[in-house]
N, C-alpha and C. Protein backbone atom coordinates (compact mmCIF):
# COMPACT_ATOMS: atom_id res chain seq x y z
N MET A 1 -2.59 -2.33 -3.03
CA MET A 1 -3.69 -3.09 -3.59
C MET A 1 -3.33 -4.57 -3.60
N THR A 2 -4.23 -5.37 -3.17
CA THR A 2 -4.03 -6.82 -3.17
C THR A 2 -4.59 -7.41 -4.46
N ARG A 3 -3.80 -8.29 -5.07
CA ARG A 3 -4.27 -9.01 -6.25
C ARG A 3 -4.55 -10.44 -5.85
N THR A 4 -5.59 -10.97 -6.42
CA THR A 4 -5.97 -12.36 -6.13
C THR A 4 -5.61 -13.26 -7.31
N LYS A 5 -5.74 -14.55 -7.08
CA LYS A 5 -5.50 -15.51 -8.15
C LYS A 5 -6.46 -15.23 -9.31
N ALA A 6 -7.70 -14.87 -9.00
CA ALA A 6 -8.68 -14.57 -10.04
C ALA A 6 -8.24 -13.37 -10.89
N ASP A 7 -7.65 -12.36 -10.24
CA ASP A 7 -7.14 -11.19 -10.98
C ASP A 7 -6.03 -11.60 -11.95
N ILE A 8 -5.12 -12.44 -11.47
CA ILE A 8 -4.00 -12.89 -12.30
C ILE A 8 -4.52 -13.71 -13.47
N VAL A 9 -5.46 -14.61 -13.21
CA VAL A 9 -6.05 -15.43 -14.27
C VAL A 9 -6.69 -14.53 -15.32
N GLU A 10 -7.47 -13.55 -14.89
CA GLU A 10 -8.15 -12.64 -15.81
C GLU A 10 -7.15 -11.84 -16.65
N ASN A 11 -6.10 -11.31 -16.02
CA ASN A 11 -5.10 -10.53 -16.74
C ASN A 11 -4.35 -11.37 -17.77
N ILE A 12 -3.98 -12.59 -17.40
CA ILE A 12 -3.27 -13.47 -18.34
C ILE A 12 -4.20 -13.83 -19.50
N SER A 13 -5.46 -14.10 -19.19
CA SER A 13 -6.42 -14.45 -20.23
C SER A 13 -6.57 -13.30 -21.22
N LYS A 14 -6.73 -12.08 -20.72
CA LYS A 14 -6.86 -10.91 -21.60
C LYS A 14 -5.60 -10.69 -22.42
N GLY A 15 -4.45 -10.85 -21.80
CA GLY A 15 -3.19 -10.59 -22.47
C GLY A 15 -2.80 -11.62 -23.52
N THR A 16 -3.29 -12.85 -23.35
CA THR A 16 -2.88 -13.92 -24.26
C THR A 16 -3.99 -14.40 -25.19
N GLY A 17 -5.22 -14.11 -24.83
CA GLY A 17 -6.34 -14.62 -25.61
C GLY A 17 -6.71 -16.05 -25.28
N ILE A 18 -6.04 -16.63 -24.29
CA ILE A 18 -6.37 -18.00 -23.85
C ILE A 18 -7.61 -17.91 -22.96
N PRO A 19 -8.57 -18.82 -23.12
CA PRO A 19 -9.78 -18.78 -22.30
C PRO A 19 -9.46 -18.83 -20.80
N VAL A 20 -10.29 -18.14 -20.02
CA VAL A 20 -10.09 -18.04 -18.57
C VAL A 20 -9.97 -19.41 -17.92
N GLN A 21 -10.82 -20.36 -18.29
CA GLN A 21 -10.79 -21.68 -17.65
C GLN A 21 -9.46 -22.39 -17.90
N GLU A 22 -8.90 -22.25 -19.10
CA GLU A 22 -7.61 -22.88 -19.38
C GLU A 22 -6.49 -22.23 -18.57
N VAL A 23 -6.52 -20.90 -18.48
CA VAL A 23 -5.52 -20.19 -17.69
C VAL A 23 -5.63 -20.60 -16.22
N ARG A 24 -6.85 -20.69 -15.71
CA ARG A 24 -7.07 -21.09 -14.31
C ARG A 24 -6.47 -22.48 -14.06
N THR A 25 -6.70 -23.40 -15.00
CA THR A 25 -6.16 -24.76 -14.87
C THR A 25 -4.63 -24.74 -14.83
N ILE A 26 -4.03 -23.95 -15.69
CA ILE A 26 -2.56 -23.85 -15.73
C ILE A 26 -2.01 -23.24 -14.45
N ILE A 27 -2.63 -22.16 -13.98
CA ILE A 27 -2.18 -21.49 -12.75
C ILE A 27 -2.30 -22.45 -11.56
N GLU A 28 -3.40 -23.17 -11.47
CA GLU A 28 -3.58 -24.12 -10.37
C GLU A 28 -2.56 -25.25 -10.44
N ALA A 29 -2.26 -25.72 -11.65
CA ALA A 29 -1.25 -26.77 -11.80
C ALA A 29 0.13 -26.24 -11.38
N PHE A 30 0.44 -25.01 -11.74
CA PHE A 30 1.71 -24.40 -11.34
C PHE A 30 1.79 -24.30 -9.82
N MET A 31 0.71 -23.86 -9.19
CA MET A 31 0.72 -23.74 -7.73
C MET A 31 0.92 -25.10 -7.06
N GLU A 32 0.33 -26.14 -7.62
CA GLU A 32 0.53 -27.49 -7.07
C GLU A 32 1.99 -27.92 -7.20
N GLU A 33 2.63 -27.57 -8.31
CA GLU A 33 4.05 -27.89 -8.50
C GLU A 33 4.90 -27.18 -7.45
N VAL A 34 4.60 -25.91 -7.18
CA VAL A 34 5.35 -25.17 -6.17
C VAL A 34 5.14 -25.81 -4.80
N LYS A 35 3.91 -26.21 -4.48
CA LYS A 35 3.65 -26.89 -3.21
C LYS A 35 4.46 -28.18 -3.11
N ASP A 36 4.51 -28.94 -4.22
CA ASP A 36 5.28 -30.19 -4.23
C ASP A 36 6.76 -29.93 -3.94
N VAL A 37 7.29 -28.81 -4.42
CA VAL A 37 8.68 -28.45 -4.13
C VAL A 37 8.87 -28.35 -2.63
N PHE A 38 7.97 -27.66 -1.96
CA PHE A 38 8.08 -27.51 -0.51
C PHE A 38 7.87 -28.83 0.21
N TYR A 39 6.85 -29.60 -0.20
CA TYR A 39 6.55 -30.88 0.46
C TYR A 39 7.70 -31.86 0.34
N ASN A 40 8.40 -31.84 -0.80
CA ASN A 40 9.50 -32.77 -1.04
C ASN A 40 10.86 -32.20 -0.64
N ASN A 41 10.84 -31.04 -0.03
CA ASN A 41 12.06 -30.36 0.42
C ASN A 41 13.05 -30.16 -0.74
N ASP A 42 12.50 -29.79 -1.90
CA ASP A 42 13.30 -29.51 -3.08
C ASP A 42 13.51 -28.00 -3.19
N ARG A 43 14.12 -27.60 -4.29
CA ARG A 43 14.39 -26.19 -4.56
C ARG A 43 13.88 -25.88 -5.96
N LEU A 44 13.13 -24.78 -6.11
CA LEU A 44 12.60 -24.35 -7.40
C LEU A 44 13.24 -23.02 -7.76
N GLU A 45 13.97 -23.00 -8.87
CA GLU A 45 14.62 -21.77 -9.32
C GLU A 45 13.98 -21.32 -10.62
N LEU A 46 13.39 -20.13 -10.61
CA LEU A 46 12.82 -19.54 -11.80
C LEU A 46 13.70 -18.35 -12.17
N ARG A 47 14.56 -18.53 -13.16
CA ARG A 47 15.53 -17.50 -13.54
C ARG A 47 14.83 -16.18 -13.80
N GLY A 48 15.34 -15.12 -13.19
CA GLY A 48 14.79 -13.79 -13.35
C GLY A 48 13.64 -13.50 -12.41
N PHE A 49 13.14 -14.53 -11.70
CA PHE A 49 12.02 -14.33 -10.79
C PHE A 49 12.37 -14.65 -9.34
N GLY A 50 13.14 -15.73 -9.11
CA GLY A 50 13.53 -16.05 -7.75
C GLY A 50 13.61 -17.53 -7.46
N VAL A 51 13.85 -17.82 -6.19
CA VAL A 51 14.04 -19.19 -5.73
C VAL A 51 13.04 -19.48 -4.60
N PHE A 52 12.37 -20.62 -4.71
CA PHE A 52 11.48 -21.12 -3.67
C PHE A 52 12.14 -22.33 -3.04
N GLU A 53 12.25 -22.34 -1.71
CA GLU A 53 12.81 -23.50 -1.03
C GLU A 53 12.46 -23.45 0.45
N ASN A 54 12.66 -24.57 1.12
CA ASN A 54 12.48 -24.63 2.57
C ASN A 54 13.78 -24.20 3.24
N ARG A 55 13.65 -23.49 4.34
CA ARG A 55 14.82 -23.12 5.14
C ARG A 55 14.64 -23.72 6.53
N PHE A 56 15.75 -24.19 7.08
CA PHE A 56 15.73 -24.77 8.42
C PHE A 56 15.75 -23.66 9.46
N ARG A 57 14.86 -23.74 10.42
CA ARG A 57 14.85 -22.81 11.55
C ARG A 57 15.13 -23.61 12.81
N LYS A 58 16.17 -23.23 13.51
CA LYS A 58 16.55 -23.91 14.73
C LYS A 58 15.52 -23.63 15.82
N GLY A 59 15.24 -24.65 16.62
CA GLY A 59 14.31 -24.48 17.73
C GLY A 59 14.84 -23.51 18.77
N LYS A 60 13.94 -22.99 19.58
CA LYS A 60 14.34 -22.04 20.62
C LYS A 60 13.33 -22.09 21.76
N ILE A 61 13.67 -21.39 22.80
CA ILE A 61 12.78 -21.26 23.94
C ILE A 61 12.03 -19.94 23.79
N GLY A 62 10.70 -20.02 23.83
CA GLY A 62 9.87 -18.83 23.74
C GLY A 62 9.08 -18.65 25.01
N ARG A 63 8.26 -17.63 25.02
CA ARG A 63 7.43 -17.35 26.19
C ARG A 63 6.06 -16.89 25.72
N ASN A 64 5.02 -17.47 26.30
CA ASN A 64 3.66 -17.04 26.02
C ASN A 64 3.48 -15.67 26.67
N PRO A 65 3.26 -14.61 25.89
CA PRO A 65 3.19 -13.27 26.48
C PRO A 65 2.01 -13.06 27.42
N LYS A 66 0.96 -13.85 27.23
CA LYS A 66 -0.21 -13.69 28.07
C LYS A 66 -0.02 -14.35 29.44
N THR A 67 0.49 -15.60 29.44
CA THR A 67 0.61 -16.35 30.68
C THR A 67 2.03 -16.36 31.24
N LYS A 68 2.99 -15.87 30.45
CA LYS A 68 4.42 -15.87 30.79
C LYS A 68 4.99 -17.28 30.89
N GLU A 69 4.24 -18.27 30.43
CA GLU A 69 4.69 -19.66 30.45
C GLU A 69 5.81 -19.86 29.41
N VAL A 70 6.85 -20.58 29.81
CA VAL A 70 7.96 -20.89 28.91
C VAL A 70 7.51 -22.01 27.97
N VAL A 71 7.79 -21.81 26.67
CA VAL A 71 7.37 -22.77 25.65
C VAL A 71 8.58 -23.12 24.79
N LYS A 72 8.76 -24.44 24.52
CA LYS A 72 9.84 -24.86 23.65
C LYS A 72 9.32 -24.86 22.21
N ILE A 73 9.96 -24.08 21.35
CA ILE A 73 9.61 -24.04 19.93
C ILE A 73 10.56 -24.99 19.21
N PRO A 74 10.02 -26.04 18.56
CA PRO A 74 10.88 -27.07 17.96
C PRO A 74 11.56 -26.61 16.66
N ASP A 75 12.58 -27.35 16.23
CA ASP A 75 13.19 -27.14 14.93
C ASP A 75 12.08 -27.29 13.88
N ARG A 76 12.21 -26.55 12.78
CA ARG A 76 11.19 -26.65 11.75
C ARG A 76 11.72 -26.18 10.39
N LEU A 77 11.01 -26.56 9.35
CA LEU A 77 11.29 -26.06 8.00
C LEU A 77 10.27 -24.98 7.68
N VAL A 78 10.74 -23.90 7.07
CA VAL A 78 9.86 -22.78 6.73
C VAL A 78 9.97 -22.51 5.23
N PRO A 79 8.85 -22.48 4.51
CA PRO A 79 8.91 -22.18 3.08
C PRO A 79 9.34 -20.73 2.86
N THR A 80 10.27 -20.51 1.92
CA THR A 80 10.77 -19.16 1.67
C THR A 80 10.83 -18.86 0.18
N TYR A 81 10.87 -17.58 -0.12
CA TYR A 81 11.06 -17.10 -1.49
C TYR A 81 12.18 -16.07 -1.43
N LYS A 82 13.13 -16.18 -2.34
CA LYS A 82 14.22 -15.22 -2.40
C LYS A 82 14.21 -14.59 -3.80
N ALA A 83 14.02 -13.28 -3.83
CA ALA A 83 14.01 -12.55 -5.10
C ALA A 83 15.43 -12.33 -5.59
N PRO A 84 15.64 -12.30 -6.92
CA PRO A 84 16.97 -12.04 -7.45
C PRO A 84 17.36 -10.56 -7.28
N ARG A 85 18.66 -10.30 -7.29
CA ARG A 85 19.16 -8.94 -7.12
C ARG A 85 18.53 -7.97 -8.11
N ARG A 86 18.43 -8.41 -9.34
CA ARG A 86 17.90 -7.53 -10.39
C ARG A 86 16.48 -7.08 -10.07
N LEU A 87 15.62 -7.99 -9.63
CA LEU A 87 14.25 -7.66 -9.27
C LEU A 87 14.23 -6.71 -8.06
N LYS A 88 15.08 -6.99 -7.08
CA LYS A 88 15.16 -6.12 -5.90
C LYS A 88 15.55 -4.71 -6.29
N LYS A 89 16.52 -4.59 -7.19
CA LYS A 89 16.97 -3.25 -7.64
C LYS A 89 15.87 -2.53 -8.40
N GLU A 90 15.13 -3.24 -9.24
CA GLU A 90 14.04 -2.62 -9.98
C GLU A 90 12.96 -2.11 -9.03
N ILE A 91 12.63 -2.90 -8.02
CA ILE A 91 11.63 -2.48 -7.03
C ILE A 91 12.13 -1.28 -6.24
N GLU A 92 13.41 -1.31 -5.87
CA GLU A 92 14.01 -0.20 -5.14
C GLU A 92 13.97 1.09 -5.97
N ARG A 93 14.23 0.95 -7.27
CA ARG A 93 14.23 2.10 -8.17
C ARG A 93 12.83 2.72 -8.27
N ILE A 94 11.81 1.88 -8.30
CA ILE A 94 10.42 2.36 -8.39
C ILE A 94 10.05 3.13 -7.13
N GLY A 95 10.45 2.61 -5.97
CA GLY A 95 10.16 3.27 -4.70
C GLY A 95 8.70 3.18 -4.31
N PHE A 96 8.31 4.01 -3.36
CA PHE A 96 6.93 4.03 -2.86
C PHE A 96 6.09 4.93 -3.73
N ASN A 97 4.89 4.48 -4.02
CA ASN A 97 3.94 5.30 -4.78
C ASN A 97 2.85 5.77 -3.83
N ASP A 98 3.10 6.85 -3.15
CA ASP A 98 2.13 7.37 -2.17
C ASP A 98 1.03 8.15 -2.82
């Protein structure tokens, strides 16, 4: 099941009693802060939740599968999220819910 930002806002509002519009404003401000971390090539560490940062990807030579044309893929920064060990273990323990 996919959850949207609206679902998260609604759940937080119900759980805290804070009006939906205030929660939406806070969530949007948080998302802007995370974007700023990536734009400024900083690192955001949320203890118990994970780390957001850019990772360097070295350029390489690729190939267009349709035309077989060789394409140079340049060096680039890629936004990443790394979950902490504890969260990974909890998810592993839960397993698949088929």
